[in-house]
Structure formats: C-alpha cells, structure tokens
Full PDB file with SEQRES, HELIX, SHEET, SSBOND, CRYST1, ORIGX, SCALE, CONECT and MASTER records, all heavy atoms in Angstrom:
SEQRES   1 A   40  ALA HIS ALA LEU GLY CYS ASP LEU ARG ILE VAL SER ASP          
SEQRES   2 A   40  ALA ASN MET PHE PHE ILE ASP SER ILE LEU LYS HIS LEU          
SEQRES   3 A   40  GLY ILE ARG GLU TYR PHE SER GLU ILE ASN THR ASN PRO          
SEQRES   4 A   40  GLY                                                          
HELIX    1 AA1 MET A   16  LEU A   26  1                                  11    
HELIX    2 AA2 ARG A   29  TYR A   31  5                                   3    
SHEET    1 AA1 2 LEU A   8  ASN A  15  0                                        
SHEET    2 AA1 2 PHE A  32  ASN A  38  1                                        
CRYST1    1.000    1.000    1.000  90.00  90.00  90.00 P 1           1          
ORIGX1      1.000000  0.000000  0.000000        0.00000                         
ORIGX2      0.000000  1.000000  0.000000        0.00000                         
ORIGX3      0.000000  0.000000  1.000000        0.00000                         
SCALE1      1.000000  0.000000  0.000000        0.00000                         
SCALE2      0.000000  1.000000  0.000000        0.00000                         
SCALE3      0.000000  0.000000  1.000000        0.00000                         
ATOM      1  N   ALA A   1      -3.892  -5.860 -11.989  1.00  0.00           N  
ATOM      2  CA  ALA A   1      -2.621  -5.216 -12.330  1.00  0.00           C  
ATOM      3  C   ALA A   1      -1.460  -5.981 -11.717  1.00  0.00           C  
ATOM      4  O   ALA A   1      -0.415  -6.179 -12.357  1.00  0.00           O  
ATOM      5  CB  ALA A   1      -2.631  -3.773 -11.859  1.00  0.00           C  
ATOM      6  N   HIS A   2      -1.646  -6.435 -10.492  1.00  0.00           N  
ATOM      7  CA  HIS A   2      -0.590  -7.211  -9.824  1.00  0.00           C  
ATOM      8  C   HIS A   2      -0.393  -8.549 -10.522  1.00  0.00           C  
ATOM      9  O   HIS A   2       0.763  -8.978 -10.752  1.00  0.00           O  
ATOM     10  CB  HIS A   2      -0.958  -7.446  -8.354  1.00  0.00           C  
ATOM     11  CG  HIS A   2       0.049  -8.245  -7.585  1.00  0.00           C  
ATOM     12  ND1 HIS A   2      -0.089  -9.612  -7.375  1.00  0.00           N  
ATOM     13  CD2 HIS A   2       1.225  -7.894  -7.008  1.00  0.00           C  
ATOM     14  CE1 HIS A   2       0.939 -10.050  -6.693  1.00  0.00           C  
ATOM     15  NE2 HIS A   2       1.754  -9.044  -6.462  1.00  0.00           N  
ATOM     16  N   ALA A   3      -1.490  -9.216 -10.902  1.00  0.00           N  
ATOM     17  CA  ALA A   3      -1.390 -10.515 -11.568  1.00  0.00           C  
ATOM     18  C   ALA A   3      -0.707 -10.390 -12.920  1.00  0.00           C  
ATOM     19  O   ALA A   3      -0.055 -11.333 -13.386  1.00  0.00           O  
ATOM     20  CB  ALA A   3      -2.790 -11.102 -11.747  1.00  0.00           C  
ATOM     21  N   LEU A   4      -0.827  -9.225 -13.557  1.00  0.00           N  
ATOM     22  CA  LEU A   4      -0.183  -8.999 -14.854  1.00  0.00           C  
ATOM     23  C   LEU A   4       1.291  -8.628 -14.724  1.00  0.00           C  
ATOM     24  O   LEU A   4       1.969  -8.370 -15.715  1.00  0.00           O  
ATOM     25  CB  LEU A   4      -0.940  -7.891 -15.610  1.00  0.00           C  
ATOM     26  CG  LEU A   4      -2.327  -8.290 -16.146  1.00  0.00           C  
ATOM     27  CD1 LEU A   4      -3.098  -7.061 -16.601  1.00  0.00           C  
ATOM     28  CD2 LEU A   4      -2.190  -9.307 -17.274  1.00  0.00           C  
ATOM     29  N   GLY A   5       1.767  -8.568 -13.482  1.00  0.00           N  
ATOM     30  CA  GLY A   5       3.189  -8.356 -13.252  1.00  0.00           C  
ATOM     31  C   GLY A   5       3.585  -6.908 -13.054  1.00  0.00           C  
ATOM     32  O   GLY A   5       4.800  -6.598 -13.050  1.00  0.00           O  
ATOM     33  N   CYS A   6       2.648  -5.998 -12.912  1.00  0.00           N  
ATOM     34  CA  CYS A   6       2.980  -4.590 -12.690  1.00  0.00           C  
ATOM     35  C   CYS A   6       3.592  -4.389 -11.309  1.00  0.00           C  
ATOM     36  O   CYS A   6       3.241  -5.089 -10.346  1.00  0.00           O  
ATOM     37  CB  CYS A   6       1.730  -3.717 -12.817  1.00  0.00           C  
ATOM     38  SG  CYS A   6       0.992  -3.733 -14.456  1.00  0.00           S  
ATOM     39  N   ASP A   7       4.463  -3.435 -11.210  1.00  0.00           N  
ATOM     40  CA  ASP A   7       5.063  -3.021  -9.940  1.00  0.00           C  
ATOM     41  C   ASP A   7       4.150  -1.950  -9.346  1.00  0.00           C  
ATOM     42  O   ASP A   7       4.082  -0.827  -9.860  1.00  0.00           O  
ATOM     43  CB  ASP A   7       6.465  -2.483 -10.205  1.00  0.00           C  
ATOM     44  CG  ASP A   7       7.140  -1.945  -8.932  1.00  0.00           C  
ATOM     45  OD1 ASP A   7       6.568  -2.069  -7.838  1.00  0.00           O  
ATOM     46  OD2 ASP A   7       8.261  -1.400  -9.055  1.00  0.00           O  
ATOM     47  N   LEU A   8       3.435  -2.272  -8.266  1.00  0.00           N  
ATOM     48  CA  LEU A   8       2.457  -1.355  -7.670  1.00  0.00           C  
ATOM     49  C   LEU A   8       3.062  -0.622  -6.484  1.00  0.00           C  
ATOM     50  O   LEU A   8       3.689  -1.243  -5.609  1.00  0.00           O  
ATOM     51  CB  LEU A   8       1.209  -2.131  -7.219  1.00  0.00           C  
ATOM     52  CG  LEU A   8       0.546  -3.057  -8.229  1.00  0.00           C  
ATOM     53  CD1 LEU A   8      -0.737  -3.661  -7.629  1.00  0.00           C  
ATOM     54  CD2 LEU A   8       0.256  -2.362  -9.532  1.00  0.00           C  
ATOM     55  N   ARG A   9       2.838   0.694  -6.444  1.00  0.00           N  
ATOM     56  CA  ARG A   9       3.361   1.522  -5.367  1.00  0.00           C  
ATOM     57  C   ARG A   9       2.288   2.525  -4.948  1.00  0.00           C  
ATOM     58  O   ARG A   9       1.390   2.831  -5.713  1.00  0.00           O  
ATOM     59  CB  ARG A   9       4.629   2.273  -5.801  1.00  0.00           C  
ATOM     60  CG  ARG A   9       5.722   1.319  -6.320  1.00  0.00           C  
ATOM     61  CD  ARG A   9       6.976   2.072  -6.755  1.00  0.00           C  
ATOM     62  NE  ARG A   9       7.933   1.159  -7.363  1.00  0.00           N  
ATOM     63  CZ  ARG A   9       9.248   1.185  -7.162  1.00  0.00           C  
ATOM     64  NH1 ARG A   9       9.756   2.099  -6.375  1.00  0.00           N  
ATOM     65  NH2 ARG A   9      10.030   0.343  -7.778  1.00  0.00           N  
ATOM     66  N   ILE A  10       2.432   3.078  -3.733  1.00  0.00           N  
ATOM     67  CA  ILE A  10       1.519   4.090  -3.226  1.00  0.00           C  
ATOM     68  C   ILE A  10       2.320   5.344  -2.882  1.00  0.00           C  
ATOM     69  O   ILE A  10       3.407   5.249  -2.276  1.00  0.00           O  
ATOM     70  CB  ILE A  10       0.749   3.586  -1.993  1.00  0.00           C  
ATOM     71  CG1 ILE A  10      -0.274   2.532  -2.405  1.00  0.00           C  
ATOM     72  CG2 ILE A  10       0.045   4.743  -1.255  1.00  0.00           C  
ATOM     73  CD1 ILE A  10      -1.009   1.881  -1.254  1.00  0.00           C  
ATOM     74  N   VAL A  11       1.804   6.494  -3.274  1.00  0.00           N  
ATOM     75  CA  VAL A  11       2.339   7.782  -2.872  1.00  0.00           C  
ATOM     76  C   VAL A  11       1.157   8.583  -2.313  1.00  0.00           C  
ATOM     77  O   VAL A  11       0.280   8.993  -3.063  1.00  0.00           O  
ATOM     78  CB  VAL A  11       3.000   8.537  -4.040  1.00  0.00           C  
ATOM     79  CG1 VAL A  11       3.495   9.902  -3.582  1.00  0.00           C  
ATOM     80  CG2 VAL A  11       4.151   7.732  -4.617  1.00  0.00           C  
ATOM     81  N   SER A  12       1.133   8.768  -1.007  1.00  0.00           N  
ATOM     82  CA  SER A  12      -0.068   9.305  -0.358  1.00  0.00           C  
ATOM     83  C   SER A  12       0.266  10.279   0.762  1.00  0.00           C  
ATOM     84  O   SER A  12       1.234  10.075   1.516  1.00  0.00           O  
ATOM     85  CB  SER A  12      -0.917   8.155   0.201  1.00  0.00           C  
ATOM     86  OG  SER A  12      -1.937   8.641   1.047  1.00  0.00           O  
ATOM     87  N   ASP A  13      -0.573  11.286   0.918  1.00  0.00           N  
ATOM     88  CA  ASP A  13      -0.446  12.246   2.019  1.00  0.00           C  
ATOM     89  C   ASP A  13      -1.285  11.834   3.232  1.00  0.00           C  
ATOM     90  O   ASP A  13      -1.584  12.642   4.077  1.00  0.00           O  
ATOM     91  CB  ASP A  13      -0.854  13.654   1.550  1.00  0.00           C  
ATOM     92  CG  ASP A  13      -0.308  14.732   2.457  1.00  0.00           C  
ATOM     93  OD1 ASP A  13       0.453  14.421   3.372  1.00  0.00           O  
ATOM     94  OD2 ASP A  13      -0.683  15.914   2.271  1.00  0.00           O  
ATOM     95  N   ALA A  14      -1.689  10.542   3.285  1.00  0.00           N  
ATOM     96  CA  ALA A  14      -2.339  10.018   4.468  1.00  0.00           C  
ATOM     97  C   ALA A  14      -1.267   9.673   5.497  1.00  0.00           C  
ATOM     98  O   ALA A  14      -0.394  10.481   5.761  1.00  0.00           O  
ATOM     99  CB  ALA A  14      -3.194   8.807   4.106  1.00  0.00           C  
ATOM    100  N   ASN A  15      -1.278   8.501   6.072  1.00  0.00           N  
ATOM    101  CA  ASN A  15      -0.198   8.082   6.974  1.00  0.00           C  
ATOM    102  C   ASN A  15      -0.074   6.572   6.974  1.00  0.00           C  
ATOM    103  O   ASN A  15      -1.003   5.862   6.592  1.00  0.00           O  
ATOM    104  CB  ASN A  15      -0.412   8.618   8.383  1.00  0.00           C  
ATOM    105  CG  ASN A  15      -1.613   8.009   9.070  1.00  0.00           C  
ATOM    106  OD1 ASN A  15      -1.544   6.897   9.595  1.00  0.00           O  
ATOM    107  ND2 ASN A  15      -2.738   8.706   9.046  1.00  0.00           N  
ATOM    108  N   MET A  16       1.078   6.079   7.378  1.00  0.00           N  
ATOM    109  CA  MET A  16       1.389   4.647   7.279  1.00  0.00           C  
ATOM    110  C   MET A  16       0.436   3.799   8.112  1.00  0.00           C  
ATOM    111  O   MET A  16       0.054   2.696   7.697  1.00  0.00           O  
ATOM    112  CB  MET A  16       2.842   4.395   7.699  1.00  0.00           C  
ATOM    113  CG  MET A  16       3.297   2.971   7.438  1.00  0.00           C  
ATOM    114  SD  MET A  16       3.207   2.492   5.694  1.00  0.00           S  
ATOM    115  CE  MET A  16       4.708   3.260   5.079  1.00  0.00           C  
ATOM    116  N   PHE A  17       0.057   4.266   9.293  1.00  0.00           N  
ATOM    117  CA  PHE A  17      -0.819   3.458  10.135  1.00  0.00           C  
ATOM    118  C   PHE A  17      -2.182   3.237   9.473  1.00  0.00           C  
ATOM    119  O   PHE A  17      -2.676   2.110   9.414  1.00  0.00           O  
ATOM    120  CB  PHE A  17      -1.018   4.124  11.509  1.00  0.00           C  
ATOM    121  CG  PHE A  17      -1.849   3.296  12.448  1.00  0.00           C  
ATOM    122  CD1 PHE A  17      -1.279   2.308  13.229  1.00  0.00           C  
ATOM    123  CD2 PHE A  17      -3.228   3.492  12.524  1.00  0.00           C  
ATOM    124  CE1 PHE A  17      -2.049   1.524  14.075  1.00  0.00           C  
ATOM    125  CE2 PHE A  17      -4.006   2.713  13.371  1.00  0.00           C  
ATOM    126  CZ  PHE A  17      -3.421   1.739  14.150  1.00  0.00           C  
ATOM    127  N   PHE A  18      -2.779   4.308   8.954  1.00  0.00           N  
ATOM    128  CA  PHE A  18      -4.082   4.195   8.285  1.00  0.00           C  
ATOM    129  C   PHE A  18      -3.988   3.274   7.069  1.00  0.00           C  
ATOM    130  O   PHE A  18      -4.786   2.360   6.868  1.00  0.00           O  
ATOM    131  CB  PHE A  18      -4.583   5.578   7.829  1.00  0.00           C  
ATOM    132  CG  PHE A  18      -5.118   6.441   8.929  1.00  0.00           C  
ATOM    133  CD1 PHE A  18      -4.978   6.116  10.257  1.00  0.00           C  
ATOM    134  CD2 PHE A  18      -5.790   7.625   8.608  1.00  0.00           C  
ATOM    135  CE1 PHE A  18      -5.480   6.934  11.267  1.00  0.00           C  
ATOM    136  CE2 PHE A  18      -6.310   8.438   9.591  1.00  0.00           C  
ATOM    137  CZ  PHE A  18      -6.151   8.097  10.933  1.00  0.00           C  
ATOM    138  N   ILE A  19      -2.975   3.522   6.222  1.00  0.00           N  
ATOM    139  CA  ILE A  19      -2.849   2.773   4.969  1.00  0.00           C  
ATOM    140  C   ILE A  19      -2.568   1.288   5.245  1.00  0.00           C  
ATOM    141  O   ILE A  19      -3.228   0.411   4.665  1.00  0.00           O  
ATOM    142  CB  ILE A  19      -1.726   3.368   4.090  1.00  0.00           C  
ATOM    143  CG1 ILE A  19      -2.143   4.770   3.614  1.00  0.00           C  
ATOM    144  CG2 ILE A  19      -1.443   2.479   2.888  1.00  0.00           C  
ATOM    145  CD1 ILE A  19      -1.059   5.499   2.847  1.00  0.00           C  
ATOM    146  N   ASP A  20      -1.637   1.012   6.149  1.00  0.00           N  
ATOM    147  CA  ASP A  20      -1.334  -0.382   6.484  1.00  0.00           C  
ATOM    148  C   ASP A  20      -2.550  -1.115   7.039  1.00  0.00           C  
ATOM    149  O   ASP A  20      -2.834  -2.260   6.654  1.00  0.00           O  
ATOM    150  CB  ASP A  20      -0.207  -0.426   7.525  1.00  0.00           C  
ATOM    151  CG  ASP A  20       1.102  -0.940   6.936  1.00  0.00           C  
ATOM    152  OD1 ASP A  20       1.096  -1.428   5.796  1.00  0.00           O  
ATOM    153  OD2 ASP A  20       2.128  -0.867   7.633  1.00  0.00           O  
ATOM    154  N   SER A  21      -3.257  -0.445   7.949  1.00  0.00           N  
ATOM    155  CA  SER A  21      -4.439  -1.074   8.565  1.00  0.00           C  
ATOM    156  C   SER A  21      -5.493  -1.424   7.529  1.00  0.00           C  
ATOM    157  O   SER A  21      -6.074  -2.513   7.532  1.00  0.00           O  
ATOM    158  CB  SER A  21      -5.053  -0.135   9.627  1.00  0.00           C  
ATOM    159  OG  SER A  21      -4.156   0.086  10.675  1.00  0.00           O  
ATOM    160  N   ILE A  22      -5.736  -0.502   6.592  1.00  0.00           N  
ATOM    161  CA  ILE A  22      -6.764  -0.706   5.571  1.00  0.00           C  
ATOM    162  C   ILE A  22      -6.355  -1.777   4.575  1.00  0.00           C  
ATOM    163  O   ILE A  22      -7.116  -2.696   4.267  1.00  0.00           O  
ATOM    164  CB  ILE A  22      -7.097   0.612   4.861  1.00  0.00           C  
ATOM    165  CG1 ILE A  22      -7.764   1.600   5.831  1.00  0.00           C  
ATOM    166  CG2 ILE A  22      -7.994   0.383   3.651  1.00  0.00           C  
ATOM    167  CD1 ILE A  22      -7.869   3.022   5.317  1.00  0.00           C  
ATOM    168  N   LEU A  23      -5.127  -1.694   4.074  1.00  0.00           N  
ATOM    169  CA  LEU A  23      -4.664  -2.664   3.063  1.00  0.00           C  
ATOM    170  C   LEU A  23      -4.594  -4.069   3.636  1.00  0.00           C  
ATOM    171  O   LEU A  23      -4.949  -5.049   2.940  1.00  0.00           O  
ATOM    172  CB  LEU A  23      -3.302  -2.262   2.503  1.00  0.00           C  
ATOM    173  CG  LEU A  23      -3.255  -0.961   1.705  1.00  0.00           C  
ATOM    174  CD1 LEU A  23      -1.838  -0.733   1.171  1.00  0.00           C  
ATOM    175  CD2 LEU A  23      -4.257  -0.974   0.551  1.00  0.00           C  
ATOM    176  N   LYS A  24      -4.148  -4.222   4.872  1.00  0.00           N  
ATOM    177  CA  LYS A  24      -4.097  -5.546   5.512  1.00  0.00           C  
ATOM    178  C   LYS A  24      -5.511  -6.095   5.684  1.00  0.00           C  
ATOM    179  O   LYS A  24      -5.741  -7.286   5.458  1.00  0.00           O  
ATOM    180  CB  LYS A  24      -3.359  -5.468   6.845  1.00  0.00           C  
ATOM    181  CG  LYS A  24      -1.858  -5.297   6.690  1.00  0.00           C  
ATOM    182  CD  LYS A  24      -1.185  -5.136   8.049  1.00  0.00           C  
ATOM    183  CE  LYS A  24       0.326  -4.939   7.870  1.00  0.00           C  
ATOM    184  NZ  LYS A  24       1.024  -4.687   9.151  1.00  0.00           N  
ATOM    185  N   HIS A  25      -6.431  -5.242   6.108  1.00  0.00           N  
ATOM    186  CA  HIS A  25      -7.811  -5.679   6.277  1.00  0.00           C  
ATOM    187  C   HIS A  25      -8.405  -6.128   4.937  1.00  0.00           C  
ATOM    188  O   HIS A  25      -9.190  -7.097   4.897  1.00  0.00           O  
ATOM    189  CB  HIS A  25      -8.644  -4.529   6.848  1.00  0.00           C  
ATOM    190  CG  HIS A  25     -10.090  -4.843   7.004  1.00  0.00           C  
ATOM    191  ND1 HIS A  25     -10.551  -5.755   7.925  1.00  0.00           N  
ATOM    192  CD2 HIS A  25     -11.202  -4.385   6.323  1.00  0.00           C  
ATOM    193  CE1 HIS A  25     -11.894  -5.850   7.833  1.00  0.00           C  
ATOM    194  NE2 HIS A  25     -12.287  -5.034   6.872  1.00  0.00           N  
ATOM    195  N   LEU A  26      -8.046  -5.459   3.849  1.00  0.00           N  
ATOM    196  CA  LEU A  26      -8.550  -5.821   2.529  1.00  0.00           C  
ATOM    197  C   LEU A  26      -7.806  -7.002   1.905  1.00  0.00           C  
ATOM    198  O   LEU A  26      -8.227  -7.527   0.875  1.00  0.00           O  
ATOM    199  CB  LEU A  26      -8.450  -4.598   1.584  1.00  0.00           C  
ATOM    200  CG  LEU A  26      -9.315  -3.383   1.943  1.00  0.00           C  
ATOM    201  CD1 LEU A  26      -8.952  -2.200   1.063  1.00  0.00           C  
ATOM    202  CD2 LEU A  26     -10.815  -3.718   1.797  1.00  0.00           C  
ATOM    203  N   GLY A  27      -6.694  -7.380   2.517  1.00  0.00           N  
ATOM    204  CA  GLY A  27      -5.913  -8.513   2.018  1.00  0.00           C  
ATOM    205  C   GLY A  27      -5.054  -8.220   0.806  1.00  0.00           C  
ATOM    206  O   GLY A  27      -4.711  -9.121   0.048  1.00  0.00           O  
ATOM    207  N   ILE A  28      -4.666  -6.957   0.628  1.00  0.00           N  
ATOM    208  CA  ILE A  28      -3.889  -6.601  -0.575  1.00  0.00           C  
ATOM    209  C   ILE A  28      -2.585  -5.876  -0.222  1.00  0.00           C  
ATOM    210  O   ILE A  28      -1.936  -5.321  -1.101  1.00  0.00           O  
ATOM    211  CB  ILE A  28      -4.716  -5.725  -1.535  1.00  0.00           C  
ATOM    212  CG1 ILE A  28      -5.209  -4.443  -0.842  1.00  0.00           C  
ATOM    213  CG2 ILE A  28      -5.885  -6.513  -2.132  1.00  0.00           C  
ATOM    214  CD1 ILE A  28      -5.863  -3.444  -1.777  1.00  0.00           C  
ATOM    215  N   ARG A  29      -2.174  -5.911   1.044  1.00  0.00           N  
ATOM    216  CA  ARG A  29      -0.970  -5.186   1.431  1.00  0.00           C  
ATOM    217  C   ARG A  29       0.268  -5.686   0.682  1.00  0.00           C  
ATOM    218  O   ARG A  29       1.114  -4.887   0.256  1.00  0.00           O  
ATOM    219  CB  ARG A  29      -0.747  -5.308   2.941  1.00  0.00           C  
ATOM    220  CG  ARG A  29       0.572  -4.742   3.465  1.00  0.00           C  
ATOM    221  CD  ARG A  29       0.674  -3.264   3.178  1.00  0.00           C  
ATOM    222  NE  ARG A  29       1.936  -2.692   3.593  1.00  0.00           N  
ATOM    223  CZ  ARG A  29       3.053  -2.677   2.867  1.00  0.00           C  
ATOM    224  NH1 ARG A  29       3.030  -3.171   1.639  1.00  0.00           N  
ATOM    225  NH2 ARG A  29       4.156  -2.107   3.321  1.00  0.00           N  
ATOM    226  N   GLU A  30       0.352  -7.010   0.461  1.00  0.00           N  
ATOM    227  CA  GLU A  30       1.552  -7.575  -0.154  1.00  0.00           C  
ATOM    228  C   GLU A  30       1.652  -7.265  -1.641  1.00  0.00           C  
ATOM    229  O   GLU A  30       2.700  -7.511  -2.261  1.00  0.00           O  
ATOM    230  CB  GLU A  30       1.598  -9.086   0.054  1.00  0.00           C  
ATOM    231  CG  GLU A  30       0.534  -9.873  -0.677  1.00  0.00           C  
ATOM    232  CD  GLU A  30      -0.805  -9.932   0.052  1.00  0.00           C  
ATOM    233  OE1 GLU A  30      -0.980  -9.198   1.057  1.00  0.00           O  
ATOM    234  OE2 GLU A  30      -1.689 -10.712  -0.393  1.00  0.00           O  
ATOM    235  N   TYR A  31       0.590  -6.712  -2.239  1.00  0.00           N  
ATOM    236  CA  TYR A  31       0.636  -6.384  -3.661  1.00  0.00           C  
ATOM    237  C   TYR A  31       1.499  -5.141  -3.939  1.00  0.00           C  
ATOM    238  O   TYR A  31       1.884  -4.915  -5.084  1.00  0.00           O  
ATOM    239  CB  TYR A  31      -0.770  -6.148  -4.213  1.00  0.00           C  
ATOM    240  CG  TYR A  31      -1.660  -7.363  -4.251  1.00  0.00           C  
ATOM    241  CD1 TYR A  31      -3.017  -7.238  -4.495  1.00  0.00           C  
ATOM    242  CD2 TYR A  31      -1.157  -8.644  -4.054  1.00  0.00           C  
ATOM    243  CE1 TYR A  31      -3.846  -8.353  -4.525  1.00  0.00           C  
ATOM    244  CE2 TYR A  31      -1.983  -9.758  -4.096  1.00  0.00           C  
ATOM    245  CZ  TYR A  31      -3.322  -9.610  -4.338  1.00  0.00           C  
ATOM    246  OH  TYR A  31      -4.135 -10.708  -4.381  1.00  0.00           O  
ATOM    247  N   PHE A  32       1.775  -4.364  -2.924  1.00  0.00           N  
ATOM    248  CA  PHE A  32       2.479  -3.091  -3.108  1.00  0.00           C  
ATOM    249  C   PHE A  32       3.934  -3.234  -2.690  1.00  0.00           C  
ATOM    250  O   PHE A  32       4.226  -3.597  -1.554  1.00  0.00           O  
ATOM    251  CB  PHE A  32       1.786  -1.983  -2.316  1.00  0.00           C  
ATOM    252  CG  PHE A  32       0.407  -1.685  -2.816  1.00  0.00           C  
ATOM    253  CD1 PHE A  32      -0.701  -2.305  -2.283  1.00  0.00           C  
ATOM    254  CD2 PHE A  32       0.202  -0.785  -3.856  1.00  0.00           C  
ATOM    255  CE1 PHE A  32      -1.978  -2.054  -2.743  1.00  0.00           C  
ATOM    256  CE2 PHE A  32      -1.071  -0.529  -4.345  1.00  0.00           C  
ATOM    257  CZ  PHE A  32      -2.170  -1.180  -3.770  1.00  0.00           C  
ATOM    258  N   SER A  33       4.831  -2.912  -3.607  1.00  0.00           N  
ATOM    259  CA  SER A  33       6.249  -3.039  -3.349  1.00  0.00           C  
ATOM    260  C   SER A  33       6.773  -1.897  -2.469  1.00  0.00           C  
ATOM    261  O   SER A  33       7.826  -2.009  -1.846  1.00  0.00           O  
ATOM    262  CB  SER A  33       7.037  -3.084  -4.655  1.00  0.00           C  
ATOM    263  OG  SER A  33       6.947  -1.846  -5.351  1.00  0.00           O  
ATOM    264  N   GLU A  34       6.028  -0.770  -2.440  1.00  0.00           N  
ATOM    265  CA  GLU A  34       6.522   0.403  -1.717  1.00  0.00           C  
ATOM    266  C   GLU A  34       5.335   1.297  -1.363  1.00  0.00           C  
ATOM    267  O   GLU A  34       4.423   1.488  -2.155  1.00  0.00           O  
ATOM    268  CB  GLU A  34       7.498   1.160  -2.623  1.00  0.00           C  
ATOM    269  CG  GLU A  34       8.125   2.398  -2.000  1.00  0.00           C  
ATOM    270  CD  GLU A  34       9.065   3.101  -2.948  1.00  0.00           C  
ATOM    271  OE1 GLU A  34       8.585   3.736  -3.898  1.00  0.00           O  
ATOM    272  OE2 GLU A  34      10.280   3.005  -2.741  1.00  0.00           O  
ATOM    273  N   ILE A  35       5.376   1.840  -0.133  1.00  0.00           N  
ATOM    274  CA  ILE A  35       4.377   2.828   0.287  1.00  0.00           C  
ATOM    275  C   ILE A  35       5.135   4.074   0.767  1.00  0.00           C  
ATOM    276  O   ILE A  35       5.932   4.019   1.692  1.00  0.00           O  
ATOM    277  CB  ILE A  35       3.482   2.296   1.410  1.00  0.00           C  
ATOM    278  CG1 ILE A  35       2.650   1.109   0.922  1.00  0.00           C  
ATOM    279  CG2 ILE A  35       2.554   3.386   1.942  1.00  0.00           C  
ATOM    280  CD1 ILE A  35       1.798   0.450   1.992  1.00  0.00           C  
ATOM    281  N   ASN A  36       4.906   5.182   0.067  1.00  0.00           N  
ATOM    282  CA  ASN A  36       5.497   6.476   0.441  1.00  0.00           C  
ATOM    283  C   ASN A  36       4.397   7.326   1.072  1.00  0.00           C  
ATOM    284  O   ASN A  36       3.461   7.739   0.382  1.00  0.00           O  
ATOM    285  CB  ASN A  36       6.045   7.173  -0.788  1.00  0.00           C  
ATOM    286  CG  ASN A  36       7.097   6.347  -1.503  1.00  0.00           C  
ATOM    287  OD1 ASN A  36       8.293   6.415  -1.172  1.00  0.00           O  
ATOM    288  ND2 ASN A  36       6.705   5.568  -2.484  1.00  0.00           N  
ATOM    289  N   THR A  37       4.519   7.609   2.362  1.00  0.00           N  
ATOM    290  CA  THR A  37       3.477   8.376   3.040  1.00  0.00           C  
ATOM    291  C   THR A  37       4.038   8.958   4.340  1.00  0.00           C  
ATOM    292  O   THR A  37       5.212   8.704   4.668  1.00  0.00           O  
ATOM    293  CB  THR A  37       2.247   7.493   3.328  1.00  0.00           C  
ATOM    294  OG1 THR A  37       1.167   8.308   3.815  1.00  0.00           O  
ATOM    295  CG2 THR A  37       2.553   6.411   4.353  1.00  0.00           C  
ATOM    296  N   ASN A  38       3.236   9.702   5.063  1.00  0.00           N  
ATOM    297  CA  ASN A  38       3.670  10.260   6.330  1.00  0.00           C  
ATOM    298  C   ASN A  38       3.790   9.155   7.377  1.00  0.00           C  
ATOM    299  O   ASN A  38       2.911   8.269   7.444  1.00  0.00           O  
ATOM    300  CB  ASN A  38       2.640  11.292   6.811  1.00  0.00           C  
ATOM    301  CG  ASN A  38       2.507  12.465   5.837  1.00  0.00           C  
ATOM    302  OD1 ASN A  38       3.457  13.192   5.591  1.00  0.00           O  
ATOM    303  ND2 ASN A  38       1.309  12.630   5.286  1.00  0.00           N  
ATOM    304  N   PRO A  39       4.848   9.156   8.181  1.00  0.00           N  
ATOM    305  CA  PRO A  39       4.975   8.142   9.218  1.00  0.00           C  
ATOM    306  C   PRO A  39       3.802   8.198  10.206  1.00  0.00           C  
ATOM    307  O   PRO A  39       3.315   9.280  10.564  1.00  0.00           O  
ATOM    308  CB  PRO A  39       6.276   8.538   9.929  1.00  0.00           C  
ATOM    309  CG  PRO A  39       7.036   9.339   8.930  1.00  0.00           C  
ATOM    310  CD  PRO A  39       6.005  10.074   8.126  1.00  0.00           C  
ATOM    311  N   GLY A  40       3.326   7.021  10.604  1.00  0.00           N  
ATOM    312  CA  GLY A  40       2.284   6.920  11.620  1.00  0.00           C  
ATOM    313  C   GLY A  40       2.546   5.724  12.475  1.00  0.00           C  
ATOM    314  O   GLY A  40       2.710   4.610  11.964  1.00  0.00           O  
TER     315      GLY A  40                                                      
MASTER        0    0    0    2    2    0    0    6  314    1    0    4          
END                                                                             
C-alpha cells in the first residue's frame, strides 16, 4: 500500500510507546504519516 503511494495512518486505543516500539522493530514506522493514539 505504501509503495503504491497511499497515505497510511493509524488510529488506535493502544499507546504511542507500544506502537512506536513495535513498528520500529518491524521496520515499518516510516510508512505511516500519522499515528493517533494515547500518549505513552
């Protein structure tokens, strides 16, 4: 989806620390233009 030029965003009731840690570990954090979640 990212390679096709889509604007990827996250809207989650998790928290920023969990999401950031997981996405960075998976190597896909930079694919998302915006993350809306609970501060962590």
